[in-house]
Protein backbone atom coordinates (compact mmCIF):
# COMPACT_ATOMS: atom_id res chain seq x y z
CA MET A 1 0.00 0.00 0.00
CA GLU A 2 2.99 2.31 0.40
CA ARG A 3 3.33 2.62 -3.37
CA GLU A 4 -0.39 3.31 -3.77
CA LEU A 5 -0.27 5.99 -1.10
CA GLU A 6 2.77 7.61 -2.70
CA GLU A 7 1.01 7.53 -6.08
CA TRP A 8 -2.07 9.19 -4.57
CA PHE A 9 0.01 11.83 -2.81
CA ASN A 10 1.79 12.77 -6.06
CA LEU A 11 -1.51 12.92 -7.96
CA HIS A 12 -3.07 14.97 -5.18
CA LYS A 13 -0.25 17.51 -5.31
CA PHE A 14 -0.44 17.74 -9.10
CA HIS A 15 -4.22 18.17 -9.29
CA PHE A 16 -4.46 20.37 -6.20
CA TYR A 17 -1.76 22.80 -7.29
CA SER A 18 -2.94 22.86 -10.90
CA GLY A 19 -6.35 24.01 -9.67
CA SER A 20 -8.19 20.89 -10.85
CA TYR A 21 -10.00 20.50 -7.53
CA GLU A 22 -10.12 21.63 -3.95
CA THR A 23 -9.60 19.38 -0.97
CA LYS A 24 -13.16 20.18 0.11
CA GLU A 25 -14.55 18.69 -3.13
CA LEU A 26 -12.56 15.48 -2.70
CA ALA A 27 -13.61 15.23 0.95
CA ASN A 28 -17.27 15.57 -0.01
CA TYR A 29 -16.87 12.93 -2.71
CA LEU A 30 -15.29 10.49 -0.25
CA GLY A 31 -17.60 11.33 2.64
CA VAL A 32 -14.72 12.36 4.90
CA SER A 33 -13.68 15.66 6.44
CA THR A 34 -11.08 17.95 4.92
CA ARG A 35 -9.10 17.36 8.11
CA THR A 36 -8.93 13.65 7.24
CA ILE A 37 -7.39 14.48 3.87
CA GLN A 38 -4.95 16.86 5.53
CA ARG A 39 -3.89 14.01 7.84
CA TRP A 40 -3.30 11.80 4.81
CA VAL A 41 -1.20 14.47 3.11
CA LYS A 42 0.86 14.95 6.28
CA GLU A 43 1.18 11.15 6.51
CA LYS A 44 -0.36 11.04 10.00
CA THR A 45 -2.96 8.53 8.76
CA SER A 46 -3.59 6.73 5.47
CA PRO A 47 -6.63 6.19 3.27
CA THR A 48 -7.97 2.65 3.04
CA LYS A 49 -7.63 0.61 -0.14
CA GLU A 50 -11.28 1.38 -0.88
CA GLN A 51 -10.69 5.11 -0.42
CA LEU A 52 -7.62 4.95 -2.67
CA ALA A 53 -9.80 3.37 -5.37
CA GLN A 54 -12.41 6.13 -4.91
CA ILE A 55 -9.68 8.78 -5.12
CA ARG A 56 -8.46 7.31 -8.41
CA GLU A 57 -12.01 7.37 -9.78
CA TYR A 58 -12.41 10.98 -8.68
CA LEU A 59 -9.12 12.08 -10.25
CA VAL A 60 -9.91 10.27 -13.51
CA SER A 61 -13.30 11.97 -13.65
CA LYS A 62 -11.65 15.36 -13.03
CA LYS A 63 -9.06 14.70 -15.69
CA ALA A 64 -11.80 13.88 -18.20
CA SER A 65 -13.69 17.12 -17.39
């Protein structure tokens, strides 16, 4: 899961800083708080495998938009 988490983190940075989405939008999509996502980014906690799959779906849908 380390590789998956690293992949997500890099995608998050790319999409977040390119203005593709806001953390709030991703949090709403996942049904978690923005604080939860901040903890993931700071590597205090990690998303589950299911959440990683949802994140990928979200990023793919944003990329297609």
